[in-house]
Amino acid sequence: MIKLIDHKYCPQDPYIKEIAILEIPLRDDSKLRFVYIRKELKTGGLYWGPLNCSALIDGEKQYFKSPLFDSNFLEQDIKEFLNSRRWEKHTMARKEEDIIKPPQYEQAAFPDFGDPPF
C-alpha cells in the first residue's frame, strides 16, 4: 500500500511544480520512504517521476534515478496514486482510514505443472 507522507506545491520553481514524499511497507515490517517530483516540460506538460540527479563522471554526464524498482508494476502503481491525487480526498492526519491502498488485481489462474525439476 502506498501512503502519502508529505506534499508540497512549488509554484515559483520553473521546473518542479510539486514534491511528494511517499512510503511503502516492506516485507520485514520496515518502511521505505522516497520522493517523487512533478516536473514541467518546456511545452507545458507535467509528469511525475522519481527524484534523480546527474553527475559528470569520466567526462560524461550520467543520470541516476532514485529509487530503482525491480518491477514496473510498482512504478505504475505509484504514478496512478499520484495522478489520481487520492490524498486530496483525505486529511493529512496519520489515521488508519487515511492510508490509501493501491488497486487490487485478481491473480491469474495458472495450470499446476508440479514441482520444478531442480
N, C-alpha and C. Protein backbone atom coordinates (compact mmCIF):
# COMPACT_ATOMS: atom_id res chain seq x y z
N MET A 1 0.84 -1.17 0.00
CA MET A 1 0.00 0.00 0.00
C MET A 1 0.89 1.24 0.00
N ILE A 2 0.53 2.18 -0.78
CA ILE A 2 1.29 3.43 -0.90
C ILE A 2 0.65 4.46 0.02
N LYS A 3 1.48 5.19 0.75
CA LYS A 3 0.97 6.19 1.69
C LYS A 3 1.69 7.51 1.43
N LEU A 4 0.93 8.58 1.39
CA LEU A 4 1.50 9.92 1.25
C LEU A 4 1.95 10.41 2.62
N ILE A 5 3.22 10.80 2.73
CA ILE A 5 3.75 11.32 3.98
C ILE A 5 3.71 12.84 3.97
N ASP A 6 4.07 13.46 2.85
CA ASP A 6 4.05 14.92 2.76
C ASP A 6 3.91 15.32 1.30
N HIS A 7 3.35 16.50 1.08
CA HIS A 7 3.15 17.03 -0.27
C HIS A 7 3.35 18.54 -0.24
N LYS A 8 4.08 19.05 -1.22
CA LYS A 8 4.32 20.49 -1.31
C LYS A 8 4.13 20.94 -2.76
N TYR A 9 3.50 22.12 -2.93
CA TYR A 9 3.44 22.78 -4.22
C TYR A 9 4.64 23.71 -4.34
N CYS A 10 5.17 23.86 -5.55
CA CYS A 10 6.32 24.72 -5.80
C CYS A 10 6.01 25.68 -6.95
N PRO A 11 5.09 26.62 -6.76
CA PRO A 11 4.66 27.48 -7.88
C PRO A 11 5.75 28.41 -8.40
N GLN A 12 6.77 28.71 -7.59
CA GLN A 12 7.81 29.64 -8.02
C GLN A 12 8.95 28.96 -8.76
N ASP A 13 9.05 27.64 -8.66
CA ASP A 13 10.14 26.93 -9.32
C ASP A 13 9.79 26.74 -10.80
N PRO A 14 10.71 27.02 -11.72
CA PRO A 14 10.40 26.90 -13.15
C PRO A 14 10.32 25.46 -13.65
N TYR A 15 10.86 24.49 -12.91
CA TYR A 15 10.92 23.11 -13.40
C TYR A 15 10.12 22.12 -12.55
N ILE A 16 10.16 22.28 -11.26
CA ILE A 16 9.48 21.35 -10.35
C ILE A 16 8.24 22.03 -9.80
N LYS A 17 7.08 21.42 -10.01
CA LYS A 17 5.81 22.03 -9.60
C LYS A 17 5.26 21.44 -8.31
N GLU A 18 5.59 20.16 -8.02
CA GLU A 18 5.12 19.52 -6.80
C GLU A 18 6.16 18.53 -6.31
N ILE A 19 6.15 18.30 -5.01
CA ILE A 19 7.02 17.31 -4.39
C ILE A 19 6.15 16.44 -3.50
N ALA A 20 6.27 15.12 -3.63
CA ALA A 20 5.51 14.19 -2.80
C ALA A 20 6.48 13.21 -2.15
N ILE A 21 6.37 13.08 -0.84
CA ILE A 21 7.14 12.07 -0.11
C ILE A 21 6.19 10.91 0.14
N LEU A 22 6.57 9.74 -0.34
CA LEU A 22 5.72 8.55 -0.26
C LEU A 22 6.36 7.50 0.62
N GLU A 23 5.53 6.56 1.07
CA GLU A 23 6.03 5.47 1.91
C GLU A 23 5.35 4.18 1.47
N ILE A 24 6.12 3.10 1.41
CA ILE A 24 5.56 1.78 1.17
C ILE A 24 6.13 0.83 2.22
N PRO A 25 5.30 -0.11 2.69
CA PRO A 25 5.80 -1.07 3.67
C PRO A 25 6.63 -2.15 2.97
N LEU A 26 7.61 -2.68 3.68
CA LEU A 26 8.42 -3.78 3.18
C LEU A 26 8.03 -5.06 3.90
N ARG A 27 8.47 -6.19 3.39
CA ARG A 27 8.09 -7.48 3.96
C ARG A 27 8.54 -7.67 5.40
N ASP A 28 9.63 -7.05 5.79
CA ASP A 28 10.15 -7.23 7.15
C ASP A 28 9.57 -6.22 8.13
N ASP A 29 8.42 -5.62 7.79
CA ASP A 29 7.71 -4.63 8.60
C ASP A 29 8.43 -3.29 8.70
N SER A 30 9.52 -3.11 7.97
CA SER A 30 10.13 -1.79 7.90
C SER A 30 9.42 -1.00 6.79
N LYS A 31 9.79 0.26 6.62
CA LYS A 31 9.14 1.11 5.64
C LYS A 31 10.19 1.78 4.77
N LEU A 32 9.85 2.00 3.53
CA LEU A 32 10.72 2.68 2.59
C LEU A 32 10.07 4.01 2.23
N ARG A 33 10.80 5.09 2.43
CA ARG A 33 10.32 6.43 2.04
C ARG A 33 11.16 6.93 0.89
N PHE A 34 10.50 7.60 -0.05
CA PHE A 34 11.19 8.13 -1.22
C PHE A 34 10.41 9.33 -1.74
N VAL A 35 11.06 10.08 -2.63
CA VAL A 35 10.50 11.33 -3.14
C VAL A 35 10.18 11.20 -4.63
N TYR A 36 8.99 11.64 -5.01
CA TYR A 36 8.63 11.80 -6.42
C TYR A 36 8.38 13.28 -6.64
N ILE A 37 8.75 13.77 -7.81
CA ILE A 37 8.53 15.18 -8.13
C ILE A 37 7.71 15.28 -9.40
N ARG A 38 6.94 16.35 -9.49
CA ARG A 38 6.16 16.63 -10.69
C ARG A 38 6.89 17.72 -11.45
N LYS A 39 7.39 17.35 -12.63
CA LYS A 39 8.19 18.27 -13.43
C LYS A 39 7.34 18.87 -14.54
N GLU A 40 7.74 20.07 -14.96
CA GLU A 40 7.07 20.73 -16.07
C GLU A 40 8.02 20.76 -17.27
N LEU A 41 7.54 20.27 -18.40
CA LEU A 41 8.31 20.30 -19.63
C LEU A 41 8.28 21.70 -20.24
N LYS A 42 9.17 21.96 -21.17
CA LYS A 42 9.18 23.25 -21.86
C LYS A 42 7.88 23.49 -22.61
N THR A 43 7.22 22.40 -23.02
CA THR A 43 5.95 22.50 -23.74
C THR A 43 4.77 22.75 -22.82
N GLY A 44 5.02 22.74 -21.49
CA GLY A 44 3.95 22.96 -20.52
C GLY A 44 3.37 21.68 -19.95
N GLY A 45 3.73 20.53 -20.50
CA GLY A 45 3.23 19.25 -19.98
C GLY A 45 3.82 18.94 -18.62
N LEU A 46 3.07 18.23 -17.82
CA LEU A 46 3.50 17.84 -16.48
C LEU A 46 3.59 16.33 -16.38
N TYR A 47 4.56 15.84 -15.61
CA TYR A 47 4.65 14.40 -15.37
C TYR A 47 5.32 14.14 -14.03
N TRP A 48 4.96 13.01 -13.41
CA TRP A 48 5.57 12.58 -12.16
C TRP A 48 6.74 11.67 -12.46
N GLY A 49 7.80 11.82 -11.69
CA GLY A 49 8.96 10.96 -11.82
C GLY A 49 9.74 10.92 -10.52
N PRO A 50 10.58 9.90 -10.36
CA PRO A 50 11.37 9.82 -9.13
C PRO A 50 12.42 10.92 -9.10
N LEU A 51 12.79 11.32 -7.91
CA LEU A 51 13.86 12.28 -7.74
C LEU A 51 15.12 11.68 -8.34
N ASN A 52 15.86 12.47 -9.12
CA ASN A 52 17.08 11.95 -9.74
C ASN A 52 18.15 13.03 -9.75
N CYS A 53 19.33 12.63 -10.13
CA CYS A 53 20.42 13.59 -10.22
C CYS A 53 21.35 13.19 -11.37
N SER A 54 22.22 14.10 -11.72
CA SER A 54 23.22 13.79 -12.74
C SER A 54 24.58 14.18 -12.19
N ALA A 55 25.60 13.51 -12.72
CA ALA A 55 26.97 13.81 -12.30
C ALA A 55 27.90 13.62 -13.49
N LEU A 56 28.94 14.42 -13.53
CA LEU A 56 29.95 14.29 -14.58
C LEU A 56 30.96 13.25 -14.13
N ILE A 57 31.02 12.13 -14.85
CA ILE A 57 31.92 11.02 -14.50
C ILE A 57 32.75 10.68 -15.73
N ASP A 58 34.05 10.75 -15.60
CA ASP A 58 34.98 10.48 -16.70
C ASP A 58 34.63 11.30 -17.94
N GLY A 59 34.27 12.57 -17.72
CA GLY A 59 33.98 13.47 -18.83
C GLY A 59 32.62 13.28 -19.46
N GLU A 60 31.80 12.41 -18.90
CA GLU A 60 30.47 12.13 -19.46
C GLU A 60 29.41 12.36 -18.39
N LYS A 61 28.33 13.06 -18.76
CA LYS A 61 27.24 13.29 -17.83
C LYS A 61 26.39 12.03 -17.72
N GLN A 62 26.25 11.52 -16.50
CA GLN A 62 25.46 10.31 -16.26
C GLN A 62 24.31 10.65 -15.34
N TYR A 63 23.17 9.99 -15.55
CA TYR A 63 21.95 10.25 -14.80
C TYR A 63 21.66 9.06 -13.89
N PHE A 64 21.18 9.37 -12.68
CA PHE A 64 20.86 8.35 -11.70
C PHE A 64 19.47 8.62 -11.14
N LYS A 65 18.62 7.59 -11.15
CA LYS A 65 17.28 7.70 -10.60
C LYS A 65 17.26 7.08 -9.21
N SER A 66 16.41 7.63 -8.39
CA SER A 66 16.22 7.07 -7.07
C SER A 66 14.73 7.13 -6.77
N PRO A 67 14.12 6.08 -6.38
CA PRO A 67 14.64 4.73 -6.22
C PRO A 67 14.62 3.96 -7.53
N LEU A 68 15.35 2.88 -7.57
CA LEU A 68 15.31 1.97 -8.72
C LEU A 68 14.46 0.76 -8.33
N PHE A 69 13.37 0.56 -9.02
CA PHE A 69 12.48 -0.57 -8.71
C PHE A 69 12.80 -1.72 -9.64
N ASP A 70 12.68 -2.93 -9.12
CA ASP A 70 12.92 -4.11 -9.96
C ASP A 70 11.65 -4.52 -10.70
N SER A 71 10.60 -3.73 -10.57
CA SER A 71 9.34 -4.06 -11.21
C SER A 71 8.68 -2.79 -11.73
N ASN A 72 8.19 -2.83 -12.94
CA ASN A 72 7.45 -1.68 -13.48
C ASN A 72 6.07 -1.55 -12.84
N PHE A 73 5.56 -2.66 -12.24
CA PHE A 73 4.24 -2.61 -11.64
C PHE A 73 4.20 -1.63 -10.47
N LEU A 74 5.23 -1.62 -9.64
CA LEU A 74 5.26 -0.70 -8.51
C LEU A 74 5.32 0.73 -8.99
N GLU A 75 6.15 1.02 -9.98
CA GLU A 75 6.24 2.38 -10.50
C GLU A 75 4.91 2.81 -11.12
N GLN A 76 4.22 1.90 -11.80
CA GLN A 76 2.91 2.22 -12.38
C GLN A 76 1.90 2.53 -11.28
N ASP A 77 1.92 1.74 -10.19
CA ASP A 77 1.01 2.00 -9.07
C ASP A 77 1.30 3.34 -8.42
N ILE A 78 2.57 3.69 -8.29
CA ILE A 78 2.94 4.97 -7.69
C ILE A 78 2.43 6.12 -8.56
N LYS A 79 2.63 6.03 -9.87
CA LYS A 79 2.18 7.10 -10.76
C LYS A 79 0.66 7.20 -10.78
N GLU A 80 -0.04 6.06 -10.71
CA GLU A 80 -1.51 6.09 -10.65
C GLU A 80 -1.96 6.77 -9.36
N PHE A 81 -1.31 6.44 -8.25
CA PHE A 81 -1.62 7.06 -6.96
C PHE A 81 -1.45 8.57 -7.04
N LEU A 82 -0.33 9.02 -7.61
CA LEU A 82 -0.06 10.46 -7.69
C LEU A 82 -0.98 11.16 -8.68
N ASN A 83 -1.18 10.57 -9.85
CA ASN A 83 -2.02 11.21 -10.87
C ASN A 83 -3.49 11.28 -10.45
N SER A 84 -3.96 10.31 -9.67
CA SER A 84 -5.36 10.34 -9.23
C SER A 84 -5.57 11.32 -8.07
N ARG A 85 -4.45 11.78 -7.47
CA ARG A 85 -4.47 12.76 -6.38
C ARG A 85 -5.38 12.31 -5.25
N ARG A 86 -5.29 11.02 -4.92
CA ARG A 86 -6.17 10.46 -3.89
C ARG A 86 -6.04 11.14 -2.54
N TRP A 87 -4.85 11.63 -2.22
CA TRP A 87 -4.66 12.23 -0.90
C TRP A 87 -5.48 13.49 -0.72
N GLU A 88 -5.89 14.15 -1.81
CA GLU A 88 -6.68 15.37 -1.68
C GLU A 88 -8.09 15.08 -1.17
N LYS A 89 -8.50 13.82 -1.22
CA LYS A 89 -9.82 13.44 -0.75
C LYS A 89 -9.79 13.06 0.73
N HIS A 90 -8.59 13.08 1.33
CA HIS A 90 -8.42 12.68 2.72
C HIS A 90 -7.68 13.78 3.47
N THR A 91 -7.77 13.73 4.78
CA THR A 91 -6.98 14.65 5.60
C THR A 91 -5.56 14.13 5.69
N MET A 92 -4.65 14.95 6.14
CA MET A 92 -3.25 14.53 6.29
C MET A 92 -3.01 13.87 7.65
N ALA A 93 -4.06 13.67 8.45
CA ALA A 93 -3.88 13.01 9.73
C ALA A 93 -3.38 11.58 9.51
N ARG A 94 -2.58 11.09 10.42
CA ARG A 94 -1.99 9.77 10.28
C ARG A 94 -2.89 8.72 10.92
N LYS A 95 -4.09 8.57 10.39
CA LYS A 95 -5.05 7.59 10.90
C LYS A 95 -5.13 6.43 9.91
N GLU A 96 -5.55 5.28 10.42
CA GLU A 96 -5.65 4.09 9.57
C GLU A 96 -6.58 4.31 8.39
N GLU A 97 -7.69 5.04 8.60
CA GLU A 97 -8.63 5.26 7.50
C GLU A 97 -8.07 6.19 6.42
N ASP A 98 -6.98 6.90 6.72
CA ASP A 98 -6.36 7.79 5.74
C ASP A 98 -5.34 7.08 4.87
N ILE A 99 -4.99 5.86 5.21
CA ILE A 99 -4.00 5.15 4.43
C ILE A 99 -4.64 4.72 3.12
N ILE A 100 -4.01 5.05 2.04
CA ILE A 100 -4.55 4.78 0.71
C ILE A 100 -3.96 3.48 0.20
N LYS A 101 -4.83 2.57 -0.17
CA LYS A 101 -4.38 1.27 -0.64
C LYS A 101 -4.33 1.26 -2.16
N PRO A 102 -3.31 0.62 -2.74
CA PRO A 102 -3.23 0.55 -4.19
C PRO A 102 -4.33 -0.35 -4.74
N PRO A 103 -4.61 -0.24 -6.02
CA PRO A 103 -5.65 -1.07 -6.60
C PRO A 103 -5.30 -2.55 -6.45
N GLN A 104 -6.32 -3.36 -6.22
CA GLN A 104 -6.13 -4.79 -6.09
C GLN A 104 -6.37 -5.45 -7.45
N TYR A 105 -5.50 -6.35 -7.80
CA TYR A 105 -5.62 -7.05 -9.07
C TYR A 105 -5.90 -8.52 -8.79
N GLU A 106 -6.76 -9.11 -9.59
CA GLU A 106 -7.04 -10.53 -9.43
C GLU A 106 -5.86 -11.34 -9.91
N GLN A 107 -5.57 -12.39 -9.17
CA GLN A 107 -4.47 -13.27 -9.54
C GLN A 107 -4.93 -14.15 -10.70
N ALA A 108 -4.16 -14.18 -11.76
CA ALA A 108 -4.49 -15.03 -12.90
C ALA A 108 -4.33 -16.49 -12.52
N ALA A 109 -5.20 -17.34 -13.03
CA ALA A 109 -5.11 -18.77 -12.74
C ALA A 109 -4.13 -19.41 -13.72
N PHE A 110 -3.15 -20.09 -13.18
CA PHE A 110 -2.16 -20.78 -13.99
C PHE A 110 -2.26 -22.27 -13.75
N PRO A 111 -2.03 -23.08 -14.77
CA PRO A 111 -2.11 -24.53 -14.56
C PRO A 111 -1.00 -24.99 -13.64
N ASP A 112 -1.27 -26.05 -12.89
CA ASP A 112 -0.27 -26.62 -11.99
C ASP A 112 0.57 -27.61 -12.75
N PHE A 113 1.87 -27.28 -12.91
CA PHE A 113 2.78 -28.15 -13.62
C PHE A 113 3.59 -29.03 -12.66
N GLY A 114 3.28 -28.98 -11.38
CA GLY A 114 4.00 -29.78 -10.41
C GLY A 114 5.26 -29.07 -9.97
N ASP A 115 6.07 -29.79 -9.23
CA ASP A 115 7.33 -29.22 -8.71
C ASP A 115 8.35 -29.07 -9.84
N PRO A 116 9.21 -28.03 -9.76
CA PRO A 116 10.23 -27.86 -10.78
C PRO A 116 11.24 -29.01 -10.71
N PRO A 117 11.90 -29.32 -11.82
CA PRO A 117 12.81 -30.47 -11.85
C PRO A 117 14.14 -30.24 -11.15
N PHE A 118 14.38 -29.09 -10.56
CA PHE A 118 15.67 -28.85 -9.89
C PHE A 118 15.51 -28.74 -8.42
